[in-house]
Amino acid sequence: MAEPSYEELKAQLEELKKQSPAKRTGALEFRVGEKGGVSVYGLGRFPVTLYYEQWIRLLDVSADLRTFLEETSPPASSNSRNPSPGCYFPRSACWLASARSPCGVEITTSGRRIAL
């Protein structure tokens, strides 16, 4: 069997591009893994995977989760990486933590408590 020419390969590539939807469209995609975990793709760099019972449990408290996120979210004007001065933790670690220190994070090390 002879190898396809450059033009034939280019035509095949164009045909394949038409058949498959473009990646990174912003749409969420759901997949079931070999072990039964349900993964959601499209939220970030990595998929979010939970088992069926975990998804049901999370969906059951979705109103509470939404309320919690709205109450604890940082102001829109804050920096998304470091919401308060002197904070070296990513936002995910800060704004979900308690509000005892400026960024809400406290570290305990060797019996000393360090508030950042």
Protein backbone atom coordinates (compact mmCIF):
# COMPACT_ATOMS: atom_id res chain seq x y z
CA MET A 1 0.00 0.00 0.00
CA ALA A 2 1.43 3.35 -1.05
CA GLU A 3 1.76 6.19 1.42
CA PRO A 4 -0.83 8.98 1.03
CA SER A 5 0.28 12.21 -0.55
CA TYR A 6 0.51 15.50 1.32
CA GLU A 7 -2.76 16.70 -0.21
CA GLU A 8 -4.56 13.49 0.81
CA LEU A 9 -3.27 13.80 4.37
CA LYS A 10 -4.33 17.43 4.51
CA ALA A 11 -7.82 16.49 3.26
CA GLN A 12 -8.09 13.72 5.88
CA LEU A 13 -7.05 16.16 8.60
CA GLU A 14 -9.70 18.67 7.54
CA GLU A 15 -12.33 15.91 7.51
CA LEU A 16 -11.36 14.81 11.01
CA LYS A 17 -11.52 18.41 12.27
CA LYS A 18 -15.06 18.69 10.92
CA GLN A 19 -16.12 15.44 12.59
CA SER A 20 -14.78 16.10 16.08
CA PRO A 21 -15.93 19.10 18.10
CA ALA A 22 -13.29 21.62 19.05
CA LYS A 23 -11.75 21.18 22.49
CA ARG A 24 -11.80 23.94 25.09
CA THR A 25 -15.22 25.23 24.15
CA GLY A 26 -16.04 26.03 27.76
CA ALA A 27 -18.73 23.35 27.85
CA LEU A 28 -18.68 20.79 30.65
CA GLU A 29 -18.22 17.16 29.72
CA PHE A 30 -19.17 14.16 31.86
CA ARG A 31 -17.50 10.75 31.73
CA VAL A 32 -17.77 7.54 33.73
CA GLY A 33 -14.45 5.90 34.56
CA GLU A 34 -13.58 2.21 34.79
CA LYS A 35 -14.12 2.14 38.55
CA GLY A 36 -17.47 3.92 38.38
CA GLY A 37 -16.34 7.43 39.21
CA VAL A 38 -18.13 10.24 37.40
CA SER A 39 -15.74 12.93 36.16
CA VAL A 40 -16.57 16.48 35.13
CA TYR A 41 -14.18 17.96 32.58
CA GLY A 42 -14.00 21.64 31.72
CA LEU A 43 -13.93 23.26 35.16
CA GLY A 44 -10.17 23.61 35.27
CA ARG A 45 -6.97 21.93 34.28
CA PHE A 46 -7.90 18.62 35.89
CA PRO A 47 -11.25 16.81 36.03
CA VAL A 48 -13.34 16.65 39.19
CA THR A 49 -14.15 13.01 39.95
CA LEU A 50 -16.55 11.67 42.56
CA TYR A 51 -18.50 8.44 42.91
CA TYR A 52 -22.26 8.39 42.33
CA GLU A 53 -23.13 8.53 46.05
CA GLN A 54 -20.78 11.50 46.54
CA TRP A 55 -22.37 13.42 43.64
CA ILE A 56 -25.85 12.77 45.06
CA ARG A 57 -24.75 13.91 48.51
CA LEU A 58 -23.19 17.07 47.05
CA LEU A 59 -26.26 17.83 44.94
CA ASP A 60 -28.50 17.39 47.99
CA VAL A 61 -26.71 20.26 49.75
CA SER A 62 -26.17 22.42 46.65
CA ALA A 63 -28.27 25.29 48.05
CA ASP A 64 -26.19 25.29 51.25
CA LEU A 65 -22.98 25.19 49.23
CA ARG A 66 -24.09 28.14 47.09
CA THR A 67 -24.99 30.15 50.21
CA PHE A 68 -21.64 29.32 51.81
CA LEU A 69 -19.72 30.36 48.69
CA GLU A 70 -21.63 33.64 48.42
CA GLU A 71 -21.05 34.45 52.10
CA THR A 72 -17.36 33.61 52.12
CA SER A 73 -16.28 34.79 48.69
CA PRO A 74 -13.71 37.57 48.62
CA PRO A 75 -14.67 41.03 47.33
CA ALA A 76 -14.59 41.34 43.55
CA SER A 77 -11.82 43.94 43.74
CA SER A 78 -9.37 41.65 45.55
CA ASN A 79 -6.48 39.94 43.86
CA SER A 80 -7.49 36.39 42.94
CA ARG A 81 -4.11 34.88 43.92
CA ASN A 82 -3.45 36.73 47.19
CA PRO A 83 -6.57 38.37 48.61
CA SER A 84 -4.87 40.15 51.48
CA PRO A 85 -1.46 41.75 51.98
CA GLY A 86 1.15 39.37 53.30
CA CYS A 87 -0.78 36.27 52.32
CA TYR A 88 1.23 33.68 50.43
CA PHE A 89 -1.50 31.10 50.18
CA PRO A 90 -3.66 30.69 47.07
CA ARG A 91 -7.19 32.04 47.27
CA SER A 92 -8.63 28.55 47.67
CA ALA A 93 -6.77 28.14 50.96
CA CYS A 94 -7.60 31.63 52.25
CA TRP A 95 -11.20 32.44 51.58
CA LEU A 96 -12.51 29.04 52.65
CA ALA A 97 -10.65 29.18 55.96
CA SER A 98 -11.80 30.91 59.11
CA ALA A 99 -11.76 34.69 59.41
CA ARG A 100 -9.45 34.88 62.44
CA SER A 101 -6.52 36.46 60.59
CA PRO A 102 -6.38 38.98 57.72
CA CYS A 103 -6.44 36.26 55.08
CA GLY A 104 -8.19 33.70 57.25
CA VAL A 105 -5.31 31.23 57.52
CA GLU A 106 -3.55 30.15 60.67
CA ILE A 107 -0.69 27.71 60.83
CA THR A 108 0.31 25.72 63.88
CA THR A 109 3.89 24.53 63.92
CA SER A 110 5.78 23.18 66.94
CA GLY A 111 3.20 24.61 69.30
CA ARG A 112 3.54 28.14 67.89
CA ARG A 113 0.58 29.67 66.15
CA ILE A 114 1.39 31.87 63.20
CA ALA A 115 -1.39 34.01 61.74
CA LEU A 116 -0.79 35.18 58.21
